[in-house]
Amino acid sequence: MRAVLHIGTEKTGTTSLQVFMHENRASLLQAGILYPEKLGGVNHRWIASYGLDPEAGDETFVALGLKDQDALDAFRADVEARLAEQVAAASDARICFLSSEHLHSRLRTADQVARVRDLLAGMFDEVEVHIHLRPQVDVAVSLASTSSRVGGRVGHDFFERIRARQIYYNYDLLVSTWEEVFGADNVLCLPFKTQPDFLGYIARRMDLDLTGLPLPARVNEALDVRVMAMVNALVESGTPQRIDFRVLDMLPVEQKLTLDLATARRLQARFEDSNRTLIARRHDLAPGQLQPQWSRYPEEGNLDLLDEPCVFASSLADLVRHYNGLIRDLAKTR
């Protein structure tokens, strides 16, 4: 059986793809494609967590109470057993498809990536890695919304902290790390600019006929910029009060965060050299494919809104504290 490992960067439709694969597991298996379950959710989060060190502070470690090496070893053994059991049960399958955006956002070193390789190497005849790349400024805007969803403050400083050598944004470093571990011939780069439909692309690669399968609905996890400003106000209140991201996701999105063109160009310029280096050595990337569609960035954006002071921040925190308390009380009665 061959393993296909999908690494989705921010804002490349990864969540929609994963939901589609999960909801169509039975049909996919009939076509010879295994999409495993019980690996930390539909996004196979535990595959990425498997590669991390105990001190990484990953949310999975916190949620599962993994506080030392013994607990982490037990977790890794459990992940191995869960995946091996499903692979054995699907012995007629041609391909095991694994997808996790956390392979991009959590893994930082070759040693961490090597743990993922070692996990897969014992179960599959070959492993190919597909990395879906979107221009860095687009990724940064999407990550800003994601950060806000989990209670982080976003403003000008969020974007100023982005550095050219951060592996999250530096695709030359990112791809090089996976090439070093899996071999350059087993790593494929896909530019979102020319191939936004990853499902269509990977279906052709896996010889999967999509006819009759319900196409995935686009999952939009962006927040309204004014909702992001509200989250900022809670942070600035100095209290621990936060609004659950599931509630934030229910709020209407009328105005998304938009960087002005000058700011967007300055940010993207930090990665011109590394993008050029990557493209020069990859046969699957061409000049211009990691450049944004600049028409998406107006002369004036709305980032300044996130740095405006909120005079009622403490009152907002009191209100959120009240309703969070009511929610906790209701949960106890269930």
C-alpha atoms as a PDB file:
ATOM      1  CA  MET A   1       0.000   0.000   0.000  1.00  0.00           C
ATOM      2  CA  ARG A   2       1.208   3.499  -0.834  1.00  0.00           C
ATOM      3  CA  ALA A   3       0.810   6.416   1.584  1.00  0.00           C
ATOM      4  CA  VAL A   4      -0.055   9.884   0.299  1.00  0.00           C
ATOM      5  CA  LEU A   5       0.652  12.575   2.894  1.00  0.00           C
ATOM      6  CA  HIS A   6      -1.045  15.938   2.321  1.00  0.00           C
ATOM      7  CA  ILE A   7       0.312  19.071   4.000  1.00  0.00           C
ATOM      8  CA  GLY A   8      -2.099  21.958   3.595  1.00  0.00           C
ATOM      9  CA  THR A   9      -0.974  25.477   4.364  1.00  0.00           C
ATOM     10  CA  GLU A  10      -3.432  28.116   5.615  1.00  0.00           C
ATOM     11  CA  LYS A  11      -6.272  29.071   3.278  1.00  0.00           C
ATOM     12  CA  THR A  12      -5.820  26.274   0.748  1.00  0.00           C
ATOM     13  CA  GLY A  13      -9.146  24.520   1.356  1.00  0.00           C
ATOM     14  CA  THR A  14      -7.644  21.875   3.624  1.00  0.00           C
ATOM     15  CA  THR A  15     -10.596  21.686   6.019  1.00  0.00           C
ATOM     16  CA  SER A  16     -13.101  21.265   3.181  1.00  0.00           C
ATOM     17  CA  LEU A  17     -10.973  18.491   1.689  1.00  0.00           C
ATOM     18  CA  GLN A  18     -10.687  16.667   5.006  1.00  0.00           C
ATOM     19  CA  VAL A  19     -14.429  16.828   5.666  1.00  0.00           C
ATOM     20  CA  PHE A  20     -15.078  15.480   2.171  1.00  0.00           C
ATOM     21  CA  MET A  21     -12.649  12.591   2.624  1.00  0.00           C
ATOM     22  CA  HIS A  22     -14.049  11.726   6.050  1.00  0.00           C
ATOM     23  CA  GLU A  23     -17.688  11.822   4.973  1.00  0.00           C
ATOM     24  CA  ASN A  24     -16.954   9.637   1.943  1.00  0.00           C
ATOM     25  CA  ARG A  25     -14.731   7.088   3.680  1.00  0.00           C
ATOM     26  CA  ALA A  26     -16.864   4.117   2.650  1.00  0.00           C
ATOM     27  CA  SER A  27     -16.994   5.115  -1.018  1.00  0.00           C
ATOM     28  CA  LEU A  28     -13.283   5.867  -1.040  1.00  0.00           C
ATOM     29  CA  LEU A  29     -12.471   2.476   0.441  1.00  0.00           C
ATOM     30  CA  GLN A  30     -14.480   0.798  -2.308  1.00  0.00           C
ATOM     31  CA  ALA A  31     -12.243   2.670  -4.742  1.00  0.00           C
ATOM     32  CA  GLY A  32      -9.143   1.371  -2.967  1.00  0.00           C
ATOM     33  CA  ILE A  33      -8.373   4.468  -0.897  1.00  0.00           C
ATOM     34  CA  LEU A  34      -8.201   4.375   2.886  1.00  0.00           C
ATOM     35  CA  TYR A  35      -8.851   7.605   4.785  1.00  0.00           C
ATOM     36  CA  PRO A  36      -8.160   6.612   8.412  1.00  0.00           C
ATOM     37  CA  GLU A  37     -10.180   7.750  11.387  1.00  0.00           C
ATOM     38  CA  LYS A  38      -9.486   7.917  15.136  1.00  0.00           C
ATOM     39  CA  LEU A  39      -6.251   9.841  14.631  1.00  0.00           C
ATOM     40  CA  GLY A  40      -7.204  13.047  16.406  1.00  0.00           C
ATOM     41  CA  GLY A  41     -10.119  14.115  14.217  1.00  0.00           C
ATOM     42  CA  VAL A  42     -10.829  14.361  10.520  1.00  0.00           C
ATOM     43  CA  ASN A  43      -7.552  16.285  10.115  1.00  0.00           C
ATOM     44  CA  HIS A  44      -5.321  13.471  11.432  1.00  0.00           C
ATOM     45  CA  ARG A  45      -3.837  15.823  13.993  1.00  0.00           C
ATOM     46  CA  TRP A  46      -2.160  13.027  15.923  1.00  0.00           C
ATOM     47  CA  ILE A  47       0.108  12.221  12.983  1.00  0.00           C
ATOM     48  CA  ALA A  48       1.738  15.613  13.517  1.00  0.00           C
ATOM     49  CA  SER A  49       1.637  15.312  17.315  1.00  0.00           C
ATOM     50  CA  TYR A  50       3.434  11.969  16.980  1.00  0.00           C
ATOM     51  CA  GLY A  51       6.502  13.810  15.722  1.00  0.00           C
ATOM     52  CA  LEU A  52       6.673  16.420  18.474  1.00  0.00           C
ATOM     53  CA  ASP A  53       8.885  16.532  21.548  1.00  0.00           C
ATOM     54  CA  PRO A  54       7.434  16.537  25.094  1.00  0.00           C
ATOM     55  CA  GLU A  55       8.334  20.201  25.610  1.00  0.00           C
ATOM     56  CA  ALA A  56       6.470  21.304  22.474  1.00  0.00           C
ATOM     57  CA  GLY A  57       3.405  22.305  24.495  1.00  0.00           C
ATOM     58  CA  ASP A  58       1.068  21.009  21.790  1.00  0.00           C
ATOM     59  CA  GLU A  59      -2.658  21.283  22.465  1.00  0.00           C
ATOM     60  CA  THR A  60      -2.951  17.524  22.008  1.00  0.00           C
ATOM     61  CA  PHE A  61      -0.436  16.934  24.777  1.00  0.00           C
ATOM     62  CA  VAL A  62      -2.357  19.253  27.083  1.00  0.00           C
ATOM     63  CA  ALA A  63      -5.744  17.726  26.241  1.00  0.00           C
ATOM     64  CA  LEU A  64      -4.490  14.162  26.763  1.00  0.00           C
ATOM     65  CA  GLY A  65      -2.401  14.981  29.819  1.00  0.00           C
ATOM     66  CA  LEU A  66       0.913  13.984  28.221  1.00  0.00           C
ATOM     67  CA  LYS A  67       3.345  15.499  30.697  1.00  0.00           C
ATOM     68  CA  ASP A  68       6.452  13.321  30.419  1.00  0.00           C
ATOM     69  CA  GLN A  69       8.349  11.020  28.075  1.00  0.00           C
ATOM     70  CA  ASP A  70       6.608   7.873  29.336  1.00  0.00           C
ATOM     71  CA  ALA A  71       3.189   9.349  28.586  1.00  0.00           C
ATOM     72  CA  LEU A  72       4.370  10.482  25.154  1.00  0.00           C
ATOM     73  CA  ASP A  73       5.783   7.026  24.393  1.00  0.00           C
ATOM     74  CA  ALA A  74       2.424   5.491  25.294  1.00  0.00           C
ATOM     75  CA  PHE A  75       0.647   8.011  23.061  1.00  0.00           C
ATOM     76  CA  ARG A  76       2.925   7.195  20.139  1.00  0.00           C
ATOM     77  CA  ALA A  77       2.363   3.474  20.633  1.00  0.00           C
ATOM     78  CA  ASP A  78      -1.385   4.082  20.584  1.00  0.00           C
ATOM     79  CA  VAL A  79      -1.159   6.081  17.339  1.00  0.00           C
ATOM     80  CA  GLU A  80       0.928   3.299  15.778  1.00  0.00           C
ATOM     81  CA  ALA A  81      -1.621   0.688  16.831  1.00  0.00           C
ATOM     82  CA  ARG A  82      -4.618   2.707  15.599  1.00  0.00           C
ATOM     83  CA  LEU A  83      -3.096   3.272  12.176  1.00  0.00           C
ATOM     84  CA  ALA A  84      -1.718  -0.268  11.822  1.00  0.00           C
ATOM     85  CA  GLU A  85      -5.094  -1.778  12.689  1.00  0.00           C
ATOM     86  CA  GLN A  86      -6.875   0.229   9.996  1.00  0.00           C
ATOM     87  CA  VAL A  87      -4.206  -0.500   7.396  1.00  0.00           C
ATOM     88  CA  ALA A  88      -4.439  -4.220   8.130  1.00  0.00           C
ATOM     89  CA  ALA A  89      -8.237  -4.143   7.911  1.00  0.00           C
ATOM     90  CA  ALA A  90      -8.034  -2.418   4.510  1.00  0.00           C
ATOM     91  CA  SER A  91      -5.465  -4.781   3.022  1.00  0.00           C
ATOM     92  CA  ASP A  92      -7.052  -4.498  -0.437  1.00  0.00           C
ATOM     93  CA  ALA A  93      -6.630  -0.721  -0.527  1.00  0.00           C
ATOM     94  CA  ARG A  94      -4.104   0.784  -2.937  1.00  0.00           C
ATOM     95  CA  ILE A  95      -3.532   4.041  -1.097  1.00  0.00           C
ATOM     96  CA  CYS A  96      -3.734   5.423   2.420  1.00  0.00           C
ATOM     97  CA  PHE A  97      -4.439   9.157   2.267  1.00  0.00           C
ATOM     98  CA  LEU A  98      -3.428  11.234   5.289  1.00  0.00           C
ATOM     99  CA  SER A  99      -4.029  14.964   5.630  1.00  0.00           C
ATOM    100  CA  SER A 100      -3.025  17.434   8.319  1.00  0.00           C
ATOM    101  CA  GLU A 101      -2.342  21.150   8.290  1.00  0.00           C
ATOM    102  CA  HIS A 102      -0.530  20.610  11.604  1.00  0.00           C
ATOM    103  CA  LEU A 103       2.316  18.965   9.703  1.00  0.00           C
ATOM    104  CA  HIS A 104       2.978  22.497   8.461  1.00  0.00           C
ATOM    105  CA  SER A 105       2.211  24.505  11.572  1.00  0.00           C
ATOM    106  CA  ARG A 106       3.692  22.265  14.291  1.00  0.00           C
ATOM    107  CA  LEU A 107       6.732  20.421  12.936  1.00  0.00           C
ATOM    108  CA  ARG A 108       9.885  22.540  12.895  1.00  0.00           C
ATOM    109  CA  THR A 109      12.884  20.205  12.643  1.00  0.00           C
ATOM    110  CA  ALA A 110      14.132  17.285  10.580  1.00  0.00           C
ATOM    111  CA  ASP A 111      14.088  15.103  13.708  1.00  0.00           C
ATOM    112  CA  GLN A 112      10.374  15.759  14.184  1.00  0.00           C
ATOM    113  CA  VAL A 113       9.632  15.023  10.530  1.00  0.00           C
ATOM    114  CA  ALA A 114      11.772  11.872  10.760  1.00  0.00           C
ATOM    115  CA  ARG A 115       9.493  10.505  13.472  1.00  0.00           C
ATOM    116  CA  VAL A 116       6.558  10.814  11.086  1.00  0.00           C
ATOM    117  CA  ARG A 117       8.606   9.076   8.393  1.00  0.00           C
ATOM    118  CA  ASP A 118       9.478   6.244  10.772  1.00  0.00           C
ATOM    119  CA  LEU A 119       5.814   5.857  11.704  1.00  0.00           C
ATOM    120  CA  LEU A 120       4.812   5.445   8.066  1.00  0.00           C
ATOM    121  CA  ALA A 121       7.854   3.565   6.764  1.00  0.00           C
ATOM    122  CA  GLY A 122       6.984   0.414   8.682  1.00  0.00           C
ATOM    123  CA  MET A 123       3.464   0.241   7.256  1.00  0.00           C
ATOM    124  CA  PHE A 124       3.707   1.370   3.630  1.00  0.00           C
ATOM    125  CA  ASP A 125       5.700   0.379   0.566  1.00  0.00           C
ATOM    126  CA  GLU A 126       6.271   4.020  -0.340  1.00  0.00           C
ATOM    127  CA  VAL A 127       5.313   7.461   0.917  1.00  0.00           C
ATOM    128  CA  GLU A 128       4.818  10.597  -1.146  1.00  0.00           C
ATOM    129  CA  VAL A 129       4.389  14.040   0.379  1.00  0.00           C
ATOM    130  CA  HIS A 130       2.269  16.764  -1.238  1.00  0.00           C
ATOM    131  CA  ILE A 131       2.679  20.349  -0.003  1.00  0.00           C
ATOM    132  CA  HIS A 132       0.045  22.883  -1.121  1.00  0.00           C
ATOM    133  CA  LEU A 133       1.663  26.336  -1.119  1.00  0.00           C
ATOM    134  CA  ARG A 134      -0.083  29.694  -1.069  1.00  0.00           C
ATOM    135  CA  PRO A 135       1.676  33.107  -1.187  1.00  0.00           C
ATOM    136  CA  GLN A 136       2.931  34.007   2.272  1.00  0.00           C
ATOM    137  CA  VAL A 137       0.974  37.235   2.661  1.00  0.00           C
ATOM    138  CA  ASP A 138      -2.273  35.348   1.975  1.00  0.00           C
ATOM    139  CA  VAL A 139      -1.265  32.747   4.546  1.00  0.00           C
ATOM    140  CA  ALA A 140      -0.477  35.458   7.102  1.00  0.00           C
ATOM    141  CA  VAL A 141      -3.893  37.103   6.725  1.00  0.00           C
ATOM    142  CA  SER A 142      -5.604  33.746   7.174  1.00  0.00           C
ATOM    143  CA  LEU A 143      -3.447  32.872  10.177  1.00  0.00           C
ATOM    144  CA  ALA A 144      -4.377  36.206  11.761  1.00  0.00           C
ATOM    145  CA  SER A 145      -8.023  35.174  11.702  1.00  0.00           C
ATOM    146  CA  THR A 146      -7.156  31.724  13.053  1.00  0.00           C
ATOM    147  CA  SER A 147      -5.177  33.304  15.885  1.00  0.00           C
ATOM    148  CA  SER A 148      -8.102  35.543  16.740  1.00  0.00           C
ATOM    149  CA  ARG A 149     -10.457  32.535  16.826  1.00  0.00           C
ATOM    150  CA  VAL A 150      -8.439  31.030  19.660  1.00  0.00           C
ATOM    151  CA  GLY A 151      -8.161  34.255  21.657  1.00  0.00           C
ATOM    152  CA  GLY A 152      -5.001  35.832  20.281  1.00  0.00           C
ATOM    153  CA  ARG A 153      -4.526  39.541  19.736  1.00  0.00           C
ATOM    154  CA  VAL A 154      -4.031  40.674  16.141  1.00  0.00           C
ATOM    155  CA  GLY A 155      -2.856  44.074  14.943  1.00  0.00           C
ATOM    156  CA  HIS A 156       0.072  45.656  13.135  1.00  0.00           C
ATOM    157  CA  ASP A 157       2.497  43.923  15.506  1.00  0.00           C
ATOM    158  CA  PHE A 158       1.176  40.496  14.442  1.00  0.00           C
ATOM    159  CA  PHE A 159       2.452  41.088  10.921  1.00  0.00           C
ATOM    160  CA  GLU A 160       5.618  42.912  11.977  1.00  0.00           C
ATOM    161  CA  ARG A 161       6.701  39.827  13.951  1.00  0.00           C
ATOM    162  CA  ILE A 162       6.779  37.696  10.786  1.00  0.00           C
ATOM    163  CA  ARG A 163      10.397  36.954   9.890  1.00  0.00           C
ATOM    164  CA  ALA A 164      12.028  35.701   6.700  1.00  0.00           C
ATOM    165  CA  ARG A 165      13.598  32.653   8.402  1.00  0.00           C
ATOM    166  CA  GLN A 166      10.466  31.321  10.086  1.00  0.00           C
ATOM    167  CA  ILE A 167       9.904  27.834   8.689  1.00  0.00           C
ATOM    168  CA  TYR A 168       6.140  28.379   8.792  1.00  0.00           C
ATOM    169  CA  TYR A 169       6.474  31.053   6.101  1.00  0.00           C
ATOM    170  CA  ASN A 170       9.847  30.231   4.550  1.00  0.00           C
ATOM    171  CA  TYR A 171       8.867  27.606   2.009  1.00  0.00           C
ATOM    172  CA  ASP A 172      12.454  26.901   1.024  1.00  0.00           C
ATOM    173  CA  LEU A 173      13.178  25.831   4.607  1.00  0.00           C
ATOM    174  CA  LEU A 174       9.862  23.991   4.888  1.00  0.00           C
ATOM    175  CA  VAL A 175      10.241  21.980   1.703  1.00  0.00           C
ATOM    176  CA  SER A 176      13.958  21.368   2.327  1.00  0.00           C
ATOM    177  CA  THR A 177      13.165  19.783   5.686  1.00  0.00           C
ATOM    178  CA  TRP A 178      10.712  17.324   4.142  1.00  0.00           C
ATOM    179  CA  GLU A 179      13.073  16.661   1.219  1.00  0.00           C
ATOM    180  CA  GLU A 180      15.902  15.898   3.630  1.00  0.00           C
ATOM    181  CA  VAL A 181      13.835  13.277   5.432  1.00  0.00           C
ATOM    182  CA  PHE A 182      11.688  11.742   2.679  1.00  0.00           C
ATOM    183  CA  GLY A 183      13.913  12.419  -0.331  1.00  0.00           C
ATOM    184  CA  ALA A 184      13.369  15.179  -2.883  1.00  0.00           C
ATOM    185  CA  ASP A 185      11.792  12.784  -5.407  1.00  0.00           C
ATOM    186  CA  ASN A 186       9.079  11.885  -2.884  1.00  0.00           C
ATOM    187  CA  VAL A 187       8.073  15.484  -2.127  1.00  0.00           C
ATOM    188  CA  LEU A 188       5.752  17.314  -4.507  1.00  0.00           C
ATOM    189  CA  CYS A 189       4.927  21.034  -4.352  1.00  0.00           C
ATOM    190  CA  LEU A 190       1.613  22.351  -5.614  1.00  0.00           C
ATOM    191  CA  PRO A 191       1.149  26.125  -6.078  1.00  0.00           C
ATOM    192  CA  PHE A 192      -2.319  27.246  -5.006  1.00  0.00           C
ATOM    193  CA  LYS A 193      -2.227  30.108  -7.498  1.00  0.00           C
ATOM    194  CA  THR A 194      -2.420  27.777 -10.501  1.00  0.00           C
ATOM    195  CA  GLN A 195      -3.995  24.752  -8.800  1.00  0.00           C
ATOM    196  CA  PRO A 196      -6.450  25.819  -6.075  1.00  0.00           C
ATOM    197  CA  ASP A 197      -8.481  22.598  -6.390  1.00  0.00           C
ATOM    198  CA  PHE A 198      -6.398  20.121  -4.431  1.00  0.00           C
ATOM    199  CA  LEU A 199      -9.159  17.512  -4.471  1.00  0.00           C
ATOM    200  CA  GLY A 200      -9.251  17.481  -8.260  1.00  0.00           C
ATOM    201  CA  TYR A 201      -5.472  17.280  -8.391  1.00  0.00           C
ATOM    202  CA  ILE A 202      -5.113  14.454  -5.886  1.00  0.00           C
ATOM    203  CA  ALA A 203      -8.047  12.538  -7.371  1.00  0.00           C
ATOM    204  CA  ARG A 204      -6.174  12.387 -10.662  1.00  0.00           C
ATOM    205  CA  ARG A 205      -2.999  11.324  -8.857  1.00  0.00           C
ATOM    206  CA  MET A 206      -4.845   8.540  -7.049  1.00  0.00           C
ATOM    207  CA  ASP A 207      -6.923   7.501 -10.066  1.00  0.00           C
ATOM    208  CA  LEU A 208     -10.098   8.350  -8.143  1.00  0.00           C
ATOM    209  CA  ASP A 209     -13.325   8.941 -10.050  1.00  0.00           C
ATOM    210  CA  LEU A 210     -15.256  11.708  -8.272  1.00  0.00           C
ATOM    211  CA  THR A 211     -18.430  11.081 -10.281  1.00  0.00           C
ATOM    212  CA  GLY A 212     -21.368  10.598  -7.942  1.00  0.00           C
ATOM    213  CA  LEU A 213     -19.554  11.842  -4.859  1.00  0.00           C
ATOM    214  CA  PRO A 214     -20.900  15.055  -3.297  1.00  0.00           C
ATOM    215  CA  LEU A 215     -18.368  17.812  -3.820  1.00  0.00           C
ATOM    216  CA  PRO A 216     -17.094  19.401  -0.609  1.00  0.00           C
ATOM    217  CA  ALA A 217     -18.621  22.632   0.597  1.00  0.00           C
ATOM    218  CA  ARG A 218     -16.095  25.409   1.069  1.00  0.00           C
ATOM    219  CA  VAL A 219     -15.415  25.852   4.781  1.00  0.00           C
ATOM    220  CA  ASN A 220     -14.651  29.492   5.549  1.00  0.00           C
ATOM    221  CA  GLU A 221     -13.068  29.973   8.964  1.00  0.00           C
ATOM    222  CA  ALA A 222     -12.346  33.692   8.580  1.00  0.00           C
ATOM    223  CA  LEU A 223     -13.765  36.108  11.141  1.00  0.00           C
ATOM    224  CA  ASP A 224     -15.231  39.526  10.522  1.00  0.00           C
ATOM    225  CA  VAL A 225     -12.561  42.137  11.254  1.00  0.00           C
ATOM    226  CA  ARG A 226     -14.887  43.727  13.824  1.00  0.00           C
ATOM    227  CA  VAL A 227     -15.200  40.395  15.616  1.00  0.00           C
ATOM    228  CA  MET A 228     -11.411  40.270  15.667  1.00  0.00           C
ATOM    229  CA  ALA A 229     -11.446  43.752  17.218  1.00  0.00           C
ATOM    230  CA  MET A 230     -13.815  42.437  19.886  1.00  0.00           C
ATOM    231  CA  VAL A 231     -11.405  39.594  20.674  1.00  0.00           C
ATOM    232  CA  ASN A 232      -8.612  42.173  20.945  1.00  0.00           C
ATOM    233  CA  ALA A 233     -10.698  44.114  23.441  1.00  0.00           C
ATOM    234  CA  LEU A 234     -11.071  41.020  25.617  1.00  0.00           C
ATOM    235  CA  VAL A 235      -7.315  40.457  25.532  1.00  0.00           C
ATOM    236  CA  GLU A 236      -6.666  44.089  26.429  1.00  0.00           C
ATOM    237  CA  SER A 237      -9.129  43.924  29.332  1.00  0.00           C
ATOM    238  CA  GLY A 238      -6.465  42.038  31.264  1.00  0.00           C
ATOM    239  CA  THR A 239      -8.913  39.282  32.182  1.00  0.00           C
ATOM    240  CA  PRO A 240      -8.882  35.615  31.115  1.00  0.00           C
ATOM    241  CA  GLN A 241     -12.329  35.897  29.562  1.00  0.00           C
ATOM    242  CA  ARG A 242     -12.610  34.531  26.030  1.00  0.00           C
ATOM    243  CA  ILE A 243     -15.418  33.644  23.624  1.00  0.00           C
ATOM    244  CA  ASP A 244     -15.463  30.039  22.429  1.00  0.00           C
ATOM    245  CA  PHE A 245     -14.379  29.816  18.778  1.00  0.00           C
ATOM    246  CA  ARG A 246     -17.539  27.864  17.959  1.00  0.00           C
ATOM    247  CA  VAL A 247     -19.552  30.914  18.968  1.00  0.00           C
ATOM    248  CA  LEU A 248     -17.268  33.233  16.997  1.00  0.00           C
ATOM    249  CA  ASP A 249     -17.728  31.041  13.930  1.00  0.00           C
ATOM    250  CA  MET A 250     -21.491  31.579  14.135  1.00  0.00           C
ATOM    251  CA  LEU A 251     -21.186  35.348  13.799  1.00  0.00           C
ATOM    252  CA  PRO A 252     -21.755  36.893  10.353  1.00  0.00           C
ATOM    253  CA  VAL A 253     -18.766  37.847   8.227  1.00  0.00           C
ATOM    254  CA  GLU A 254     -19.390  41.089   6.356  1.00  0.00           C
ATOM    255  CA  GLN A 255     -15.931  42.686   6.428  1.00  0.00           C
ATOM    256  CA  LYS A 256     -12.860  40.483   6.352  1.00  0.00           C
ATOM    257  CA  LEU A 257      -9.447  41.667   7.470  1.00  0.00           C
ATOM    258  CA  THR A 258      -7.755  43.337   4.494  1.00  0.00           C
ATOM    259  CA  LEU A 259      -4.183  44.569   4.339  1.00  0.00           C
ATOM    260  CA  ASP A 260      -3.447  47.656   2.305  1.00  0.00           C
ATOM    261  CA  LEU A 261      -1.345  47.062  -0.800  1.00  0.00           C
ATOM    262  CA  ALA A 262       1.805  48.694   0.579  1.00  0.00           C
ATOM    263  CA  THR A 263       1.761  46.565   3.746  1.00  0.00           C
ATOM    264  CA  ALA A 264       1.039  43.412   1.754  1.00  0.00           C
ATOM    265  CA  ARG A 265       3.945  44.086  -0.610  1.00  0.00           C
ATOM    266  CA  ARG A 266       6.341  44.760   2.278  1.00  0.00           C
ATOM    267  CA  LEU A 267       5.384  41.500   3.941  1.00  0.00           C
ATOM    268  CA  GLN A 268       5.644  39.404   0.786  1.00  0.00           C
ATOM    269  CA  ALA A 269       9.018  40.971  -0.054  1.00  0.00           C
ATOM    270  CA  ARG A 270      10.528  39.252   2.991  1.00  0.00           C
ATOM    271  CA  PHE A 271      10.184  35.946   1.150  1.00  0.00           C
ATOM    272  CA  GLU A 272      11.226  36.896  -2.365  1.00  0.00           C
ATOM    273  CA  ASP A 273      14.737  35.462  -2.007  1.00  0.00           C
ATOM    274  CA  SER A 274      13.700  32.169  -0.394  1.00  0.00           C
ATOM    275  CA  ASN A 275      10.848  31.698  -2.880  1.00  0.00           C
ATOM    276  CA  ARG A 276      13.241  32.318  -5.754  1.00  0.00           C
ATOM    277  CA  THR A 277      15.684  29.751  -4.367  1.00  0.00           C
ATOM    278  CA  LEU A 278      12.948  27.147  -3.953  1.00  0.00           C
ATOM    279  CA  ILE A 279      11.499  27.689  -7.422  1.00  0.00           C
ATOM    280  CA  ALA A 280      14.941  27.476  -9.030  1.00  0.00           C
ATOM    281  CA  ARG A 281      15.500  23.929  -7.776  1.00  0.00           C
ATOM    282  CA  ARG A 282      11.974  22.544  -8.158  1.00  0.00           C
ATOM    283  CA  HIS A 283      10.582  21.248 -11.445  1.00  0.00           C
ATOM    284  CA  ASP A 284       7.012  21.584 -10.149  1.00  0.00           C
ATOM    285  CA  LEU A 285       7.180  25.325  -9.423  1.00  0.00           C
ATOM    286  CA  ALA A 286       7.608  28.232 -11.838  1.00  0.00           C
ATOM    287  CA  PRO A 287       8.376  31.946 -11.410  1.00  0.00           C
ATOM    288  CA  GLY A 288       5.326  33.936 -10.347  1.00  0.00           C
ATOM    289  CA  GLN A 289       3.436  31.000  -8.845  1.00  0.00           C
ATOM    290  CA  LEU A 290       4.154  32.102  -5.272  1.00  0.00           C
ATOM    291  CA  GLN A 291       3.266  35.736  -5.979  1.00  0.00           C
ATOM    292  CA  PRO A 292      -0.104  36.974  -4.664  1.00  0.00           C
ATOM    293  CA  GLN A 293      -2.922  38.298  -6.789  1.00  0.00           C
ATOM    294  CA  TRP A 294      -2.154  41.912  -5.918  1.00  0.00           C
ATOM    295  CA  SER A 295      -5.597  43.030  -7.067  1.00  0.00           C
ATOM    296  CA  ARG A 296      -6.955  41.475  -3.860  1.00  0.00           C
ATOM    297  CA  TYR A 297      -5.167  44.138  -1.827  1.00  0.00           C
ATOM    298  CA  PRO A 298      -6.626  47.666  -2.052  1.00  0.00           C
ATOM    299  CA  GLU A 299      -4.733  50.906  -1.573  1.00  0.00           C
ATOM    300  CA  GLU A 300      -6.396  51.257   1.829  1.00  0.00           C
ATOM    301  CA  GLY A 301      -7.039  48.305   4.125  1.00  0.00           C
ATOM    302  CA  ASN A 302      -8.722  47.950   7.515  1.00  0.00           C
ATOM    303  CA  LEU A 303      -5.848  46.687   9.686  1.00  0.00           C
ATOM    304  CA  ASP A 304      -5.807  49.975  11.630  1.00  0.00           C
ATOM    305  CA  LEU A 305      -9.219  49.057  13.043  1.00  0.00           C
ATOM    306  CA  LEU A 306      -7.596  46.306  15.109  1.00  0.00           C
ATOM    307  CA  ASP A 307      -5.277  48.731  16.891  1.00  0.00           C
ATOM    308  CA  GLU A 308      -7.962  51.212  17.899  1.00  0.00           C
ATOM    309  CA  PRO A 309      -8.550  51.320  21.683  1.00  0.00           C
ATOM    310  CA  CYS A 310     -11.822  49.973  23.047  1.00  0.00           C
ATOM    311  CA  VAL A 311     -13.256  52.132  25.835  1.00  0.00           C
ATOM    312  CA  PHE A 312     -15.609  49.385  27.021  1.00  0.00           C
ATOM    313  CA  ALA A 313     -13.104  46.479  27.109  1.00  0.00           C
ATOM    314  CA  SER A 314     -13.589  45.810  30.826  1.00  0.00           C
ATOM    315  CA  SER A 315     -17.384  45.945  30.515  1.00  0.00           C
ATOM    316  CA  LEU A 316     -17.240  43.539  27.578  1.00  0.00           C
ATOM    317  CA  ALA A 317     -15.129  41.162  29.681  1.00  0.00           C
ATOM    318  CA  ASP A 318     -17.705  41.364  32.496  1.00  0.00           C
ATOM    319  CA  LEU A 319     -20.476  40.519  30.034  1.00  0.00           C
ATOM    320  CA  VAL A 320     -18.556  37.563  28.608  1.00  0.00           C
ATOM    321  CA  ARG A 321     -17.742  36.351  32.135  1.00  0.00           C
ATOM    322  CA  HIS A 322     -21.445  36.400  32.981  1.00  0.00           C
ATOM    323  CA  TYR A 323     -22.507  34.373  29.958  1.00  0.00           C
ATOM    324  CA  ASN A 324     -19.589  31.966  30.228  1.00  0.00           C
ATOM    325  CA  GLY A 325     -20.776  31.272  33.764  1.00  0.00           C
ATOM    326  CA  LEU A 326     -24.307  30.601  32.543  1.00  0.00           C
ATOM    327  CA  ILE A 327     -22.953  28.205  29.920  1.00  0.00           C
ATOM    328  CA  ARG A 328     -20.948  26.306  32.545  1.00  0.00           C
ATOM    329  CA  ASP A 329     -24.007  26.038  34.784  1.00  0.00           C
ATOM    330  CA  LEU A 330     -26.129  24.724  31.913  1.00  0.00           C
ATOM    331  CA  ALA A 331     -23.458  22.172  31.030  1.00  0.00           C
ATOM    332  CA  LYS A 332     -23.554  20.823  34.590  1.00  0.00           C
ATOM    333  CA  THR A 333     -27.285  20.114  34.343  1.00  0.00           C
ATOM    334  CA  ARG A 334     -26.959  17.924  31.259  1.00  0.00           C
END
